[in-house]
Amino acid sequence: MKREDLTTKLITEFSVRNIRENFYSFNCDNSSLSSYLYRSSYFDSLDFVNSTSVLVNEAGIVRSYFTLKQDRLKVQDLKYGALRIERFAVCETIQLNGLGRRMMKEIETYARATSLRFLILETLYESRNFYYKTGFSKLFDKPLSADVAHRESIFILYKDLEYSEKIDEAYPGND
């Protein structure tokens, strides 16, 4: 599959009408993530709750998005600035084509530019392997919770950008 030219834009660069009309069809195979984009992302960004960025193709179709929020991570008695990835979604039809890795690199670049050392996120059991492959580790040994009805466990993961940068320097081109 040919790689699409995508542009990253903040959700607030769009009008509410444009979001409701054009983003409604976004589907990442998770109804909660898909509907957040056109229902709440714009207003959450305006209210400084978090910030959502969308990756759109030349036709203006959303191919993926991520939502970020500044946070802190306590390690022993020290507190570090962290960037929480609240939502991370790729359109179902183009998953497994490298876009998720590209988005993660963009998030890491932003975190480093703002001097945040850690990335943190919560993920469902079935999504955890993607994050492990991009350098995340479990914060706790056991899942945070389990919804027996849906058999979904939530894992809290983190990535130490200072440590991963040293790994990248020692093993260049290890993407």
Protein backbone atom coordinates (compact mmCIF):
# COMPACT_ATOMS: atom_id res chain seq x y z
CA MET A 1 0.00 0.00 0.00
CA LYS A 2 1.32 3.43 -0.98
CA ARG A 3 2.01 5.71 1.98
CA GLU A 4 -0.42 8.62 2.11
CA ASP A 5 0.73 12.18 2.57
CA LEU A 6 -0.76 13.20 5.90
CA THR A 7 -0.85 16.52 7.69
CA THR A 8 -1.09 16.86 11.45
CA LYS A 9 -3.54 19.49 12.66
CA LEU A 10 -4.93 20.48 16.02
CA ILE A 11 -8.63 19.71 16.37
CA THR A 12 -9.26 23.40 17.12
CA GLU A 13 -8.17 24.29 13.56
CA PHE A 14 -11.48 22.86 12.34
CA SER A 15 -14.98 24.23 12.79
CA VAL A 16 -17.54 22.35 14.88
CA ARG A 17 -19.63 21.87 11.75
CA ASN A 18 -16.68 20.44 9.81
CA ILE A 19 -15.92 18.02 12.65
CA ARG A 20 -19.50 16.80 12.93
CA GLU A 21 -19.93 16.39 9.17
CA ASN A 22 -16.54 15.02 8.15
CA PHE A 23 -15.18 13.20 11.19
CA TYR A 24 -18.32 11.17 11.91
CA SER A 25 -17.20 8.38 9.57
CA PHE A 26 -13.88 7.81 11.40
CA ASN A 27 -13.76 4.19 12.60
CA CYS A 28 -10.87 2.61 14.49
CA ASP A 29 -12.81 -0.49 15.56
CA ASN A 30 -13.39 0.94 19.06
CA SER A 31 -16.68 2.83 19.30
CA SER A 32 -15.59 4.88 22.31
CA LEU A 33 -12.42 6.12 20.58
CA SER A 34 -14.20 6.69 17.29
CA SER A 35 -17.07 8.72 18.76
CA TYR A 36 -14.83 10.81 21.04
CA LEU A 37 -13.29 12.44 17.98
CA TYR A 38 -16.50 14.01 16.71
CA ARG A 39 -18.38 14.36 20.01
CA SER A 40 -15.97 15.74 22.60
CA SER A 41 -12.42 16.31 21.33
CA TYR A 42 -13.02 19.86 20.09
CA PHE A 43 -14.67 21.06 23.30
CA ASP A 44 -12.12 19.33 25.56
CA SER A 45 -9.35 21.12 23.65
CA LEU A 46 -11.11 24.50 23.92
CA ASP A 47 -11.55 23.97 27.68
CA PHE A 48 -7.85 23.01 28.07
CA VAL A 49 -8.80 19.56 29.39
CA ASN A 50 -6.45 18.01 26.84
CA SER A 51 -5.28 18.52 23.27
CA THR A 52 -6.25 16.42 20.27
CA SER A 53 -4.29 16.29 17.03
CA VAL A 54 -5.63 14.66 13.88
CA LEU A 55 -3.75 13.34 10.88
CA VAL A 56 -5.68 14.07 7.71
CA ASN A 57 -5.02 13.19 4.09
CA GLU A 58 -5.18 15.60 1.13
CA ALA A 59 -8.97 15.11 0.89
CA GLY A 60 -9.37 16.14 4.54
CA ILE A 61 -10.29 12.64 5.70
CA VAL A 62 -9.10 11.80 9.21
CA ARG A 63 -6.81 8.79 9.17
CA SER A 64 -5.77 8.85 12.83
CA TYR A 65 -5.69 10.98 15.95
CA PHE A 66 -4.14 11.25 19.38
CA THR A 67 -5.13 13.12 22.51
CA LEU A 68 -2.48 14.34 24.97
CA LYS A 69 -2.47 15.82 28.45
CA GLN A 70 0.37 16.94 30.71
CA ASP A 71 0.72 14.83 33.83
CA ARG A 72 3.29 13.72 36.41
CA LEU A 73 4.89 10.43 37.24
CA LYS A 74 6.25 9.76 40.71
CA VAL A 75 9.35 7.56 40.85
CA GLN A 76 10.36 6.86 44.44
CA ASP A 77 10.35 10.35 46.03
CA LEU A 78 10.85 12.27 42.78
CA LYS A 79 8.13 13.67 40.53
CA TYR A 80 8.76 13.96 36.81
CA GLY A 81 6.86 15.76 34.12
CA ALA A 82 5.02 13.32 31.92
CA LEU A 83 2.88 13.41 28.84
CA ARG A 84 -0.23 11.27 29.15
CA ILE A 85 -1.52 9.74 25.93
CA GLU A 86 -5.24 9.73 26.64
CA ARG A 87 -6.39 8.48 23.26
CA PHE A 88 -4.55 6.98 20.30
CA ALA A 89 -6.45 5.73 17.28
CA VAL A 90 -5.76 4.73 13.68
CA CYS A 91 -8.49 4.25 11.08
CA GLU A 92 -9.40 0.58 10.90
CA THR A 93 -8.76 0.31 7.14
CA ILE A 94 -5.11 1.37 7.39
CA GLN A 95 -4.00 -0.22 10.66
CA LEU A 96 -0.73 -2.20 10.57
CA ASN A 97 0.81 0.13 7.97
CA GLY A 98 3.24 2.04 10.22
CA LEU A 99 1.05 5.05 10.94
CA GLY A 100 0.86 4.23 14.66
CA ARG A 101 4.66 4.21 14.90
CA ARG A 102 4.80 7.52 13.01
CA MET A 103 2.30 9.04 15.44
CA MET A 104 4.29 7.76 18.42
CA LYS A 105 7.48 9.35 17.05
CA GLU A 106 5.61 12.65 16.70
CA ILE A 107 4.40 12.42 20.32
CA GLU A 108 7.91 11.61 21.54
CA THR A 109 9.34 14.58 19.63
CA TYR A 110 6.77 16.88 21.25
CA ALA A 111 7.45 15.47 24.75
CA ARG A 112 11.22 15.93 24.35
CA ALA A 113 10.78 19.48 23.01
CA THR A 114 8.76 20.35 26.12
CA SER A 115 11.32 18.66 28.42
CA LEU A 116 8.96 15.90 29.56
CA ARG A 117 10.83 12.73 30.40
CA PHE A 118 8.03 10.16 30.50
CA LEU A 119 5.11 9.08 28.37
CA ILE A 120 2.29 7.30 30.19
CA LEU A 121 -0.94 5.71 29.02
CA GLU A 122 -3.65 3.22 29.84
CA THR A 123 -4.38 0.51 27.31
CA LEU A 124 -6.62 -2.46 26.88
CA TYR A 125 -5.16 -5.95 26.92
CA GLU A 126 -5.55 -6.47 23.18
CA SER A 127 -3.66 -3.25 22.33
CA ARG A 128 -0.72 -3.68 24.70
CA ASN A 129 1.64 -5.38 22.21
CA PHE A 130 1.74 -2.33 19.94
CA TYR A 131 2.95 -0.23 22.86
CA TYR A 132 5.48 -2.84 23.98
CA LYS A 133 6.92 -2.82 20.43
CA THR A 134 7.30 0.97 20.60
CA GLY A 135 9.29 0.81 23.85
CA PHE A 136 6.66 1.01 26.60
CA SER A 137 6.80 -1.06 29.79
CA LYS A 138 4.23 -1.99 32.41
CA LEU A 139 4.09 0.36 35.36
CA PHE A 140 2.47 -2.33 37.52
CA ASP A 141 2.83 -6.10 37.29
CA LYS A 142 -0.91 -6.75 37.24
CA PRO A 143 -3.66 -5.09 35.20
CA LEU A 144 -5.31 -2.07 36.82
CA SER A 145 -8.77 -3.56 36.55
CA ALA A 146 -10.67 -6.25 34.79
CA ASP A 147 -14.14 -5.99 33.36
CA VAL A 148 -15.28 -9.60 33.59
CA ALA A 149 -18.25 -9.00 31.31
CA HIS A 150 -15.99 -7.84 28.47
CA ARG A 151 -12.82 -9.66 29.57
CA GLU A 152 -10.87 -6.43 29.13
CA SER A 153 -7.97 -5.66 31.41
CA ILE A 154 -6.48 -2.19 31.60
CA PHE A 155 -2.71 -1.84 31.76
CA ILE A 156 -0.85 1.31 32.74
CA LEU A 157 2.30 1.65 30.65
CA TYR A 158 5.16 4.13 30.60
CA LYS A 159 8.15 5.00 28.47
CA ASP A 160 11.27 6.71 29.79
CA LEU A 161 12.35 8.99 26.94
CA GLU A 162 15.73 9.68 28.51
CA TYR A 163 16.51 5.97 28.65
CA SER A 164 15.16 5.24 25.16
CA GLU A 165 17.20 8.11 23.72
CA LYS A 166 20.37 6.49 25.12
CA ILE A 167 19.33 3.18 23.54
CA ASP A 168 18.75 4.93 20.20
CA GLU A 169 22.23 6.49 20.38
CA ALA A 170 23.85 3.13 21.15
CA TYR A 171 21.92 1.31 18.41
CA PRO A 172 21.19 3.80 15.62
CA GLY A 173 18.66 2.82 12.96
CA ASN A 174 16.92 0.36 15.27
CA ASP A 175 13.36 1.31 14.16
